[in-house]
């Protein structure tokens, strides 16, 4: 009771004087009072401090709010509403310490700050010990290259499929970001493959422009490196091993068909869908995986058309590529029309050429 009366008396005194400096002093005294007994306050007492501090912090200058924010940032049981107010403060010197360190912030507040804050706000959020997918989604899409890199390097950050797809897309023009994304151990294999494929295309273009006479040699080296990296990623991926075992079992039981492939694709199971399509087309898994994540869908058209599959199956496979999923509807319609115009005989001949090419490559490398 004495604590509550002391807090209320200081609040009334601060507002009675109508002096910003005195209000700053009152905020400091109340903060001292709160911190001294931190972790021993009851929920009702925390609520009282929340209300009083909230009223005072709205009436003091930026420097006083910044000092207050630094103190509250590391207090485990800091009043939640006032911490939220600090996190959403337009002044980065006020918000940054809280955004970086406070354990009282929820993901909703972090997302709101990431959507509306400045570079400084986003950078502070990107360096938190733990970041949920909803938060990193905003950081990697809205932040500049420094924010994206800081987020990608954060070991406590979690990324959604959208987040990884966005990082891969941004990595095309940012070698440092590409390396940071590549180094994350949990990146799904299809995104790792897409990251390498896009980066290798950029390297190939640069090398070819430097010395066109070596273009063919360089293309072969890039393709070989891509295959080796894919193979290494598959060998160490338990999800891929499980998917291959599942698909092989279905084939042995005579149950590997178009409907099953479509189910894999619609379920977002990249590994199982790629293995199934590889087996059905009698092509190595490497080029099938690259075809799925390639920005140009024509190879998938050829494979599914040659197998006599429908547009619905083809679309499901294309949707395994996050970039295609986020594309405009007109692009999907254009793909459907192109697929419809492709003749089965043409697709069959192209598939036969693919098989011959892969066998020749295997023979020459052996």
Protein backbone atom coordinates (compact mmCIF):
# COMPACT_ATOMS: atom_id res chain seq x y z
CA UNK A 1 0.00 0.00 0.00
CA UNK A 2 2.84 2.39 0.88
CA UNK A 3 4.49 1.65 -2.48
CA UNK A 4 1.33 2.46 -4.38
CA UNK A 5 0.81 5.72 -2.48
CA UNK A 6 4.42 6.79 -3.09
CA UNK A 7 4.08 6.17 -6.81
CA UNK A 8 0.77 8.04 -7.05
CA UNK A 9 2.08 10.98 -4.99
CA UNK A 10 5.09 11.36 -7.28
CA UNK A 11 2.86 11.25 -10.35
CA UNK A 12 0.52 13.92 -8.99
CA UNK A 13 3.46 16.10 -8.01
CA UNK A 14 5.04 15.78 -11.46
CA UNK A 15 1.90 16.82 -13.32
CA UNK A 16 0.98 19.55 -10.86
CA UNK A 17 4.24 21.39 -11.57
CA UNK A 18 3.78 21.33 -15.35
CA UNK A 19 7.56 21.21 -15.72
CA UNK A 20 9.11 18.79 -18.22
CA UNK A 21 12.33 18.69 -16.23
CA UNK A 22 10.55 17.80 -13.02
CA UNK A 23 8.56 15.14 -14.83
CA UNK A 24 11.82 13.65 -16.07
CA UNK A 25 13.07 13.60 -12.47
CA UNK A 26 9.85 11.93 -11.34
CA UNK A 27 10.16 9.32 -14.08
CA UNK A 28 13.72 8.62 -12.94
CA UNK A 29 12.66 8.26 -9.28
CA UNK A 30 9.78 5.97 -10.15
CA UNK A 31 12.07 3.92 -12.37
CA UNK A 32 14.54 3.61 -9.48
CA UNK A 33 11.69 2.49 -7.26
CA UNK A 34 10.62 -0.14 -9.78
CA UNK A 35 14.08 -1.48 -10.58
CA UNK A 36 15.11 -1.72 -6.92
CA UNK A 37 12.38 -4.27 -6.26
CA UNK A 38 12.39 -5.87 -9.73
CA UNK A 39 11.09 -9.46 -9.87
CA UNK A 40 9.29 -8.95 -6.54
CA UNK A 41 6.38 -6.87 -7.79
CA UNK A 42 2.89 -8.31 -7.85
CA UNK A 43 0.85 -8.15 -11.09
CA UNK A 44 -1.21 -5.29 -9.61
CA UNK A 45 1.92 -3.33 -8.77
CA UNK A 46 3.35 -3.85 -12.25
CA UNK A 47 0.05 -2.62 -13.70
CA UNK A 48 0.27 0.51 -11.53
CA UNK A 49 3.83 1.23 -12.65
CA UNK A 50 2.73 0.58 -16.24
CA UNK A 51 0.06 3.26 -16.01
CA UNK A 52 2.20 5.82 -14.20
CA UNK A 53 5.30 5.35 -16.33
CA UNK A 54 3.18 5.42 -19.48
CA UNK A 55 1.73 8.83 -18.55
CA UNK A 56 5.13 10.27 -17.67
CA UNK A 57 7.06 8.93 -20.66
CA UNK A 58 4.56 10.59 -22.98
CA UNK A 59 5.34 13.97 -21.40
CA UNK A 60 9.15 14.00 -21.31
CA UNK A 61 11.78 14.92 -23.86
CA UNK A 62 13.51 12.47 -26.19
CA UNK A 63 16.71 12.32 -24.12
CA UNK A 64 14.75 11.37 -21.00
CA UNK A 65 12.81 8.73 -22.93
CA UNK A 66 16.09 7.34 -24.28
CA UNK A 67 17.56 7.06 -20.78
CA UNK A 68 14.39 5.40 -19.57
CA UNK A 69 14.39 3.02 -22.55
CA UNK A 70 17.98 1.93 -21.85
CA UNK A 71 17.03 1.04 -18.28
CA UNK A 72 13.81 -0.77 -19.16
CA UNK A 73 15.38 -2.75 -22.00
CA UNK A 74 17.04 -5.27 -19.71
CA UNK A 75 14.44 -5.46 -16.92
CA UNK A 76 12.83 -8.89 -17.17
CA UNK A 77 9.46 -7.88 -15.68
CA UNK A 78 9.28 -4.37 -17.14
CA UNK A 79 5.73 -3.04 -17.50
CA UNK A 80 4.53 -4.44 -20.84
CA UNK A 81 2.51 -1.51 -22.15
CA UNK A 82 5.23 1.05 -21.51
CA UNK A 83 7.80 -1.26 -23.13
CA UNK A 84 5.57 -1.48 -26.19
CA UNK A 85 5.29 2.33 -26.23
CA UNK A 86 9.08 2.61 -26.13
CA UNK A 87 9.52 0.02 -28.89
CA UNK A 88 7.20 1.96 -31.19
CA UNK A 89 8.77 5.35 -30.43
CA UNK A 90 9.69 7.22 -33.61
CA UNK A 91 13.08 8.19 -32.12
CA UNK A 92 15.46 5.33 -32.79
CA UNK A 93 17.60 6.22 -29.76
CA UNK A 94 14.54 5.51 -27.60
CA UNK A 95 13.30 2.40 -29.38
CA UNK A 96 16.52 0.60 -30.36
CA UNK A 97 17.67 -0.61 -26.90
CA UNK A 98 14.23 -2.05 -26.21
CA UNK A 99 13.87 -3.59 -29.66
CA UNK A 100 17.28 -5.21 -29.29
CA UNK A 101 17.13 -6.48 -25.71
CA UNK A 102 13.70 -6.47 -24.10
CA UNK A 103 12.23 -9.89 -23.38
CA UNK A 104 8.84 -8.29 -22.70
CA UNK A 105 8.14 -7.55 -26.37
CA UNK A 106 5.78 -9.86 -28.23
CA UNK A 107 6.02 -10.72 -31.92
CA UNK A 108 3.03 -8.53 -32.74
CA UNK A 109 4.86 -5.42 -31.49
CA UNK A 110 8.08 -6.43 -33.26
CA UNK A 111 6.21 -6.91 -36.55
CA UNK A 112 4.49 -3.54 -36.15
CA UNK A 113 7.81 -1.81 -35.49
CA UNK A 114 9.44 -3.60 -38.42
CA UNK A 115 6.65 -2.46 -40.74
CA UNK A 116 6.75 1.19 -39.70
CA UNK A 117 10.20 1.87 -38.27
CA UNK A 118 13.34 3.37 -39.76
CA UNK A 119 16.55 1.60 -40.72
CA UNK A 120 17.75 1.93 -37.13
CA UNK A 121 14.61 0.25 -35.79
CA UNK A 122 14.92 -2.63 -38.24
CA UNK A 123 18.62 -3.10 -37.57
CA UNK A 124 18.00 -3.32 -33.82
CA UNK A 125 15.28 -5.93 -34.32
CA UNK A 126 17.49 -7.95 -36.66
CA UNK A 127 20.06 -8.40 -33.88
CA UNK A 128 17.70 -9.82 -31.23
CA UNK A 129 18.66 -13.16 -29.71
CA UNK A 130 15.51 -14.82 -31.05
CA UNK A 131 13.42 -13.87 -34.08
CA UNK A 132 10.20 -15.57 -35.16
CA UNK A 133 9.30 -16.20 -38.79
CA UNK A 134 6.62 -13.48 -38.79
CA UNK A 135 9.27 -10.92 -37.82
CA UNK A 136 11.98 -12.03 -40.25
CA UNK A 137 9.42 -12.04 -43.07
CA UNK A 138 9.11 -8.26 -42.66
CA UNK A 139 12.80 -7.63 -42.04
CA UNK A 140 14.05 -9.38 -45.17
CA UNK A 141 11.39 -7.84 -47.39
CA UNK A 142 11.37 -4.26 -46.07
CA UNK A 143 14.90 -3.81 -44.74
CA UNK A 144 17.83 -2.60 -46.79
CA UNK A 145 20.81 -4.80 -47.65
CA UNK A 146 22.44 -4.24 -44.24
CA UNK A 147 19.26 -5.32 -42.41
CA UNK A 148 18.83 -8.37 -44.63
CA UNK A 149 22.46 -9.37 -44.03
CA UNK A 150 22.19 -8.85 -40.27
CA UNK A 151 19.03 -10.96 -40.16
CA UNK A 152 20.54 -13.73 -42.29
CA UNK A 153 23.60 -13.87 -40.02
CA UNK A 154 21.51 -14.05 -36.82
CA UNK A 155 21.74 -17.65 -35.49
CA UNK A 156 18.57 -17.16 -33.45
CA UNK A 157 16.45 -16.14 -36.44
CA UNK A 158 13.87 -18.46 -37.93
CA UNK A 159 12.73 -18.12 -41.54
CA UNK A 160 9.57 -19.13 -43.32
CA UNK A 161 9.48 -20.43 -46.87
CA UNK A 162 8.68 -16.87 -47.94
CA UNK A 163 11.62 -15.54 -45.92
CA UNK A 164 14.12 -17.91 -47.50
CA UNK A 165 12.70 -17.25 -50.95
CA UNK A 166 13.07 -13.50 -50.42
CA UNK A 167 16.65 -13.88 -49.20
CA UNK A 168 17.54 -16.01 -52.21
CA UNK A 169 16.02 -13.46 -54.59
CA UNK A 170 17.90 -10.59 -52.93
CA UNK A 171 21.13 -12.59 -52.95
CA UNK A 172 21.33 -12.39 -56.74
CA UNK A 173 22.78 -8.89 -56.47
CA UNK A 174 24.51 -9.27 -53.10
CA UNK A 175 27.42 -11.70 -52.78
CA UNK A 176 27.75 -11.13 -49.03
CA UNK A 177 24.09 -11.95 -48.45
CA UNK A 178 24.36 -15.02 -50.67
CA UNK A 179 27.20 -16.36 -48.51
CA UNK A 180 25.27 -15.67 -45.30
CA UNK A 181 22.19 -17.46 -46.59
CA UNK A 182 24.28 -20.35 -47.90
CA UNK A 183 25.86 -20.76 -44.45
CA UNK A 184 22.55 -21.28 -42.65
CA UNK A 185 22.35 -25.02 -41.86
CA UNK A 186 18.56 -25.18 -41.88
CA UNK A 187 17.95 -23.68 -45.33
CA UNK A 188 15.66 -26.04 -47.27
CA UNK A 189 17.47 -27.83 -50.04
CA UNK A 190 15.33 -26.36 -52.84
CA UNK A 191 16.27 -22.85 -51.70
CA UNK A 192 19.93 -23.81 -51.41
CA UNK A 193 19.76 -25.20 -54.92
CA UNK A 194 18.05 -22.09 -56.23
CA UNK A 195 20.59 -19.89 -54.45
CA UNK A 196 23.50 -21.69 -56.07
CA UNK A 197 21.85 -21.84 -59.48
CA UNK A 198 21.19 -18.11 -59.55
CA UNK A 199 24.61 -17.23 -58.18
CA UNK A 200 26.32 -19.50 -60.69
CA UNK A 201 24.46 -17.81 -63.54
CA UNK A 202 25.79 -14.45 -62.38
CA UNK A 203 29.33 -15.81 -62.17
CA UNK A 204 29.03 -17.44 -65.58
CA UNK A 205 27.87 -14.19 -67.16
CA UNK A 206 30.78 -12.30 -65.65
CA UNK A 207 33.35 -14.85 -66.77
CA UNK A 208 31.88 -15.09 -70.26
CA UNK A 209 32.01 -11.33 -70.69
CA UNK A 210 35.68 -11.32 -69.59
CA UNK A 211 36.73 -14.04 -72.05
CA UNK A 212 34.06 -15.29 -74.50
CA UNK A 213 36.48 -17.93 -75.90
CA UNK A 214 36.31 -19.81 -72.62
CA UNK A 215 32.53 -19.62 -72.36
CA UNK A 216 31.87 -23.27 -73.18
CA UNK A 217 34.51 -24.48 -70.72
CA UNK A 218 33.17 -22.26 -67.98
CA UNK A 219 29.58 -23.41 -68.56
CA UNK A 220 30.73 -26.99 -68.15
CA UNK A 221 32.62 -26.19 -64.95
CA UNK A 222 29.60 -24.40 -63.48
CA UNK A 223 27.27 -27.26 -64.37
CA UNK A 224 29.69 -29.78 -62.86
CA UNK A 225 30.03 -27.76 -59.66
CA UNK A 226 26.26 -27.41 -59.41
CA UNK A 227 25.80 -31.18 -59.71
CA UNK A 228 28.47 -31.86 -57.09
CA UNK A 229 26.97 -29.43 -54.62
CA UNK A 230 23.48 -30.86 -55.18
CA UNK A 231 24.77 -34.37 -54.63
CA UNK A 232 26.56 -33.37 -51.44
CA UNK A 233 23.43 -31.65 -50.13
CA UNK A 234 21.33 -34.73 -50.88
CA UNK A 235 23.81 -37.09 -49.23
CA UNK A 236 23.65 -35.18 -45.93
CA UNK A 237 19.91 -34.47 -45.92
CA UNK A 238 17.89 -36.98 -43.90
CA UNK A 239 14.65 -35.62 -45.35
CA UNK A 240 15.81 -36.45 -48.85
CA UNK A 241 16.80 -39.98 -47.81
CA UNK A 242 13.38 -40.52 -46.24
CA UNK A 243 11.61 -39.15 -49.31
CA UNK A 244 13.57 -41.39 -51.69
CA UNK A 245 12.82 -44.45 -49.55
CA UNK A 246 9.12 -43.55 -49.54
CA UNK A 247 8.95 -43.05 -53.30
CA UNK A 248 10.94 -46.20 -54.02
CA UNK A 249 8.53 -48.17 -51.85
CA UNK A 250 5.57 -46.75 -53.76
CA UNK A 251 7.18 -47.70 -57.06
CA UNK A 252 7.86 -51.24 -55.84
CA UNK A 253 4.21 -51.55 -54.80
CA UNK A 254 2.99 -50.24 -58.17
CA UNK A 255 1.46 -47.16 -56.58
CA UNK A 256 3.69 -44.44 -58.00
CA UNK A 257 1.47 -42.55 -60.43
CA UNK A 258 0.42 -39.08 -61.48
CA UNK A 259 -2.04 -38.72 -58.59
CA UNK A 260 0.70 -39.50 -56.08
CA UNK A 261 3.11 -37.04 -57.69
CA UNK A 262 0.42 -34.36 -57.60
CA UNK A 263 -0.21 -35.08 -53.92
CA UNK A 264 3.49 -34.68 -53.13
CA UNK A 265 3.64 -31.38 -55.00
CA UNK A 266 0.47 -29.94 -53.50
CA UNK A 267 1.70 -30.94 -50.07
CA UNK A 268 4.88 -28.91 -50.63
CA UNK A 269 7.10 -32.01 -50.43
CA UNK A 270 9.89 -30.90 -52.75
CA UNK A 271 12.10 -33.94 -52.18
CA UNK A 272 9.40 -36.56 -52.77
CA UNK A 273 8.03 -34.74 -55.82
CA UNK A 274 11.52 -34.40 -57.35
CA UNK A 275 12.38 -38.06 -56.74
CA UNK A 276 9.05 -39.19 -58.18
CA UNK A 277 9.45 -37.07 -61.31
CA UNK A 278 13.04 -38.29 -61.69
CA UNK A 279 11.93 -41.92 -61.61
CA UNK A 280 8.97 -41.36 -63.93
CA UNK A 281 11.04 -39.52 -66.54
CA UNK A 282 14.10 -41.78 -66.18
CA UNK A 283 16.29 -38.74 -65.59
CA UNK A 284 18.88 -38.17 -62.85
CA UNK A 285 17.63 -36.35 -59.80
CA UNK A 286 20.00 -33.37 -60.31
CA UNK A 287 18.56 -31.93 -63.53
CA UNK A 288 15.00 -32.61 -62.31
CA UNK A 289 15.62 -30.59 -59.14
CA UNK A 290 17.14 -27.75 -61.17
CA UNK A 291 14.18 -27.78 -63.54
CA UNK A 292 11.74 -27.37 -60.64
CA UNK A 293 13.50 -24.33 -59.17
CA UNK A 294 14.40 -22.78 -62.53
CA UNK A 295 12.76 -19.43 -63.26
CA UNK A 296 11.83 -20.73 -66.72
CA UNK A 297 9.13 -23.43 -66.54
CA UNK A 298 9.52 -24.86 -70.07
CA UNK A 299 11.48 -27.91 -68.90
CA UNK A 300 8.71 -28.91 -66.52
CA UNK A 301 6.21 -28.53 -69.37
CA UNK A 302 8.25 -30.94 -71.45
CA UNK A 303 8.59 -33.53 -68.70
CA UNK A 304 4.94 -33.60 -67.70
CA UNK A 305 3.61 -33.37 -71.25
CA UNK A 306 5.85 -36.26 -72.35
CA UNK A 307 4.46 -38.33 -69.49
CA UNK A 308 0.89 -37.48 -70.54
CA UNK A 309 0.17 -35.58 -67.33
CA UNK A 310 -2.45 -32.84 -66.95
CA UNK A 311 -2.02 -29.11 -66.45
CA UNK A 312 -3.20 -29.55 -62.83
CA UNK A 313 -0.21 -31.79 -62.10
CA UNK A 314 2.13 -29.44 -63.96
CA UNK A 315 0.87 -26.42 -62.03
CA UNK A 316 1.31 -28.24 -58.71
CA UNK A 317 4.96 -28.94 -59.57
CA UNK A 318 5.55 -25.34 -60.63
CA UNK A 319 4.07 -24.18 -57.32
CA UNK A 320 6.96 -25.86 -55.50
CA UNK A 321 8.99 -22.81 -56.58
CA UNK A 322 8.11 -19.97 -54.13
CA UNK A 323 8.84 -17.39 -56.82
CA UNK A 324 6.22 -18.93 -59.10
CA UNK A 325 3.69 -19.09 -56.24
CA UNK A 326 4.03 -15.35 -55.60
CA UNK A 327 3.88 -14.44 -59.29
CA UNK A 328 0.90 -12.65 -60.81
CA UNK A 329 -2.07 -14.70 -61.93
CA UNK A 330 -1.51 -13.70 -65.55
CA UNK A 331 1.83 -15.53 -65.48
CA UNK A 332 0.11 -18.73 -64.39
CA UNK A 333 -2.48 -18.31 -67.15
CA UNK A 334 0.28 -17.73 -69.70
CA UNK A 335 1.98 -20.93 -68.55
CA UNK A 336 -1.25 -22.86 -68.85
CA UNK A 337 -1.71 -21.64 -72.42
CA UNK A 338 1.89 -22.50 -73.33
CA UNK A 339 1.52 -25.96 -71.83
CA UNK A 340 -1.67 -26.47 -73.81
CA UNK A 341 0.04 -25.55 -77.09
CA UNK A 342 2.96 -27.93 -76.52
CA UNK A 343 2.53 -31.11 -78.56
CA UNK A 344 3.07 -34.45 -76.83
CA UNK A 345 5.26 -35.68 -79.69
CA UNK A 346 7.52 -32.64 -79.37
CA UNK A 347 7.78 -33.12 -75.62
CA UNK A 348 8.59 -36.82 -76.04
CA UNK A 349 11.42 -36.05 -78.46
CA UNK A 350 12.79 -33.40 -76.10
CA UNK A 351 12.69 -35.80 -73.16
CA UNK A 352 14.55 -38.38 -75.23
CA UNK A 353 17.22 -35.75 -75.98
CA UNK A 354 17.49 -34.92 -72.26
CA UNK A 355 18.10 -38.59 -71.46
CA UNK A 356 20.79 -38.92 -74.11
CA UNK A 357 22.49 -35.75 -72.94
CA UNK A 358 22.54 -36.87 -69.30
CA UNK A 359 23.89 -40.29 -70.20
CA UNK A 360 26.62 -38.73 -72.33
CA UNK A 361 27.56 -36.42 -69.49
CA UNK A 362 27.69 -39.35 -67.07
CA UNK A 363 29.87 -41.34 -69.45
CA UNK A 364 32.31 -38.48 -70.04
CA UNK A 365 32.62 -37.72 -66.31
CA UNK A 366 33.19 -41.38 -65.50
